[in-house]
Protein backbone atom coordinates (compact mmCIF):
# COMPACT_ATOMS: atom_id res chain seq x y z
CA MET A 1 -29.56 -56.08 -7.21
CA SER A 2 -26.68 -55.69 -4.84
CA GLY A 3 -24.34 -55.68 -7.83
CA LYS A 4 -26.21 -52.73 -9.32
CA THR A 5 -26.15 -50.93 -5.97
CA SER A 6 -22.43 -51.42 -5.56
CA ASP A 7 -21.86 -50.19 -9.14
CA ILE A 8 -23.99 -47.11 -8.46
CA ASN A 9 -22.09 -46.47 -5.21
CA ARG A 10 -18.75 -46.81 -6.99
CA VAL A 11 -19.81 -44.43 -9.77
CA THR A 12 -21.18 -41.95 -7.23
CA LYS A 13 -17.94 -42.00 -5.23
CA SER A 14 -15.94 -41.45 -8.41
CA ILE A 15 -18.13 -38.47 -9.38
CA ILE A 16 -17.78 -36.98 -5.89
CA LYS A 17 -13.99 -37.41 -5.96
CA ILE A 18 -13.74 -35.77 -9.37
CA SER A 19 -16.04 -32.94 -8.23
CA TRP A 20 -13.87 -32.25 -5.17
CA LYS A 21 -10.73 -32.24 -7.31
CA LEU A 22 -12.33 -29.77 -9.73
CA ILE A 23 -13.45 -27.52 -6.86
CA ILE A 24 -9.97 -27.55 -5.32
CA PHE A 25 -8.39 -26.90 -8.72
CA ALA A 26 -10.72 -23.93 -9.31
CA LEU A 27 -9.89 -22.50 -5.86
CA VAL A 28 -6.15 -22.83 -6.49
CA ILE A 29 -6.53 -21.02 -9.83
CA LEU A 30 -8.59 -18.28 -8.17
CA LEU A 31 -6.02 -17.84 -5.38
CA CYS A 32 -3.16 -17.70 -7.90
CA TYR A 33 -5.04 -15.07 -9.93
CA GLU A 34 -5.64 -12.95 -6.83
CA ALA A 35 -2.02 -13.28 -5.73
CA VAL A 36 -0.70 -12.25 -9.14
CA THR A 37 -3.03 -9.26 -9.54
CA ARG A 38 -2.42 -7.97 -6.01
CA GLY A 39 1.31 -8.51 -6.37
CA TYR A 40 1.31 -6.57 -9.62
CA GLN A 41 -0.68 -3.70 -8.06
CA PHE A 42 1.71 -3.58 -5.11
CA GLY A 43 4.80 -3.58 -7.34
CA TYR A 44 3.27 -0.98 -9.64
CA GLY A 45 2.55 1.32 -6.69
CA LEU A 46 6.04 0.71 -5.32
CA PHE A 47 8.13 1.35 -8.42
CA TYR A 48 5.96 3.68 -10.50
CA GLU A 49 5.14 7.23 -9.42
CA THR A 50 1.45 7.14 -8.72
CA ALA A 51 -0.67 9.58 -6.77
CA ALA A 52 -3.82 8.91 -4.81
CA ASP A 53 -5.75 11.46 -6.92
CA ASP A 54 -5.51 13.13 -10.30
CA PRO A 55 -4.35 16.76 -10.38
CA PRO A 56 -5.26 19.23 -8.95
CA GLY A 57 -6.07 16.98 -5.98
CA THR A 58 -6.99 18.16 -2.51
CA ASP A 59 -4.70 20.08 -0.17
CA MET A 60 -4.44 18.65 3.33
CA ARG A 61 -2.61 19.83 6.39
CA VAL A 62 -0.80 17.05 8.17
CA THR A 63 0.54 17.66 11.67
CA ILE A 64 3.32 15.39 12.85
CA GLU A 65 4.05 15.23 16.55
CA GLU A 66 7.45 14.74 18.19
CA ASP A 67 8.65 11.12 18.16
CA GLU A 68 6.02 10.12 15.59
CA LYS A 69 6.64 6.72 14.03
CA VAL A 70 6.64 6.46 10.25
CA GLN A 71 4.32 3.43 10.52
CA ASN A 72 1.66 5.50 12.30
CA LEU A 73 2.13 8.29 9.78
CA ALA A 74 1.62 5.85 6.89
CA VAL A 75 -1.62 4.55 8.41
CA ALA A 76 -2.94 8.09 8.92
CA MET A 77 -1.96 9.11 5.39
CA GLU A 78 -3.67 6.06 3.90
CA GLN A 79 -6.85 6.72 5.88
CA SER A 80 -6.91 10.37 4.84
CA GLY A 81 -6.43 9.47 1.17
CA LEU A 82 -2.93 10.88 0.63
CA ILE A 83 -1.49 7.49 -0.32
CA LYS A 84 -3.03 4.32 -1.74
CA ASN A 85 -1.02 1.66 0.06
CA ARG A 86 0.80 2.11 3.35
CA TYR A 87 3.11 -0.86 2.82
CA SER A 88 4.48 0.41 -0.48
CA PHE A 89 4.83 3.84 1.17
CA LEU A 90 6.89 2.32 4.00
CA ILE A 91 9.20 0.57 1.54
CA GLN A 92 9.56 3.81 -0.42
CA CYS A 93 10.49 5.55 2.84
CA ILE A 94 13.41 3.13 3.11
CA PHE A 95 14.40 3.89 -0.51
CA TYR A 96 14.36 7.64 0.11
CA GLU A 97 15.96 7.32 3.56
CA TYR A 98 13.08 8.75 5.54
CA GLY A 99 11.93 7.78 8.99
CA TYR A 100 14.21 4.80 9.47
CA GLU A 101 17.59 4.54 11.13
CA PHE A 102 19.36 1.62 9.48
CA MET A 103 23.07 1.60 10.26
CA GLY A 104 23.13 5.38 10.61
CA TYR A 105 21.23 6.10 7.39
CA GLY A 106 17.88 7.82 7.08
CA ASN A 107 16.30 10.94 8.44
CA PRO A 108 14.02 10.85 11.45
CA VAL A 109 10.43 11.98 11.18
CA LYS A 110 10.43 15.75 11.71
CA ALA A 111 7.63 17.31 13.72
CA GLY A 112 5.62 20.13 12.18
CA THR A 113 2.60 20.95 10.06
CA TYR A 114 2.92 20.09 6.40
CA LEU A 115 0.76 21.07 3.43
CA LEU A 116 0.38 17.95 1.29
CA ASN A 117 -1.80 17.26 -1.73
CA THR A 118 -3.53 14.05 -2.77
CA SER A 119 -2.12 14.47 -6.30
CA MET A 120 1.47 14.33 -5.03
CA PRO A 121 3.26 11.05 -5.78
CA ALA A 122 4.70 9.17 -2.81
CA LYS A 123 8.25 10.25 -3.72
CA GLU A 124 7.27 13.92 -3.53
CA LEU A 125 5.41 13.37 -0.24
CA ILE A 126 8.44 11.64 1.28
CA ILE A 127 10.88 14.29 0.08
CA THR A 128 8.67 17.06 1.47
CA LEU A 129 8.49 15.30 4.83
CA ARG A 130 12.18 14.33 4.79
CA ASP A 131 13.36 17.85 4.04
CA GLY A 132 11.03 19.27 6.71
CA LYS A 133 9.25 21.77 4.44
CA THR A 134 6.54 22.78 6.89
CA VAL A 135 3.64 25.13 6.18
CA ASP A 136 5.41 27.93 8.08
CA GLN A 137 8.58 27.58 5.98
CA THR A 138 6.59 27.47 2.73
CA ALA A 139 4.68 30.66 3.69
CA GLU A 140 7.94 32.44 4.57
CA SER A 141 9.57 31.56 1.22
CA ASP A 142 6.45 32.76 -0.65
CA THR A 143 6.49 36.18 1.09
CA GLU A 144 10.21 36.65 0.40
CA GLU A 145 9.70 36.39 -3.37
């Protein structure tokens, strides 16, 4: 009987080992799938002009204080629904030379109140902020026409 018991124990250990290997294999596949899909979404948002909303979107007034950091601005814009991903927005800010001072390049964050829309792509948001087109300046150019 001890021979049968040792055979049963050996078979049981083999089944448990195989089960653990299958579980680990399934987890690795799941993690790889998540990494690929999230990486694709991040790259898509970074290199393709996407907006947080479909047109006509929602107008929002954004007030930027003196010495505001672009990182804080990105967090606030993500929370308010102007952008989808703050990290891709920060990288795009580097591309469009906004808010960063690398080796003398880039424009600082300009204080003011801006009228932004949730249907504006990140590039348009950054250019509006970079050029300093505040609500006051937009209203003045509309009355001149």
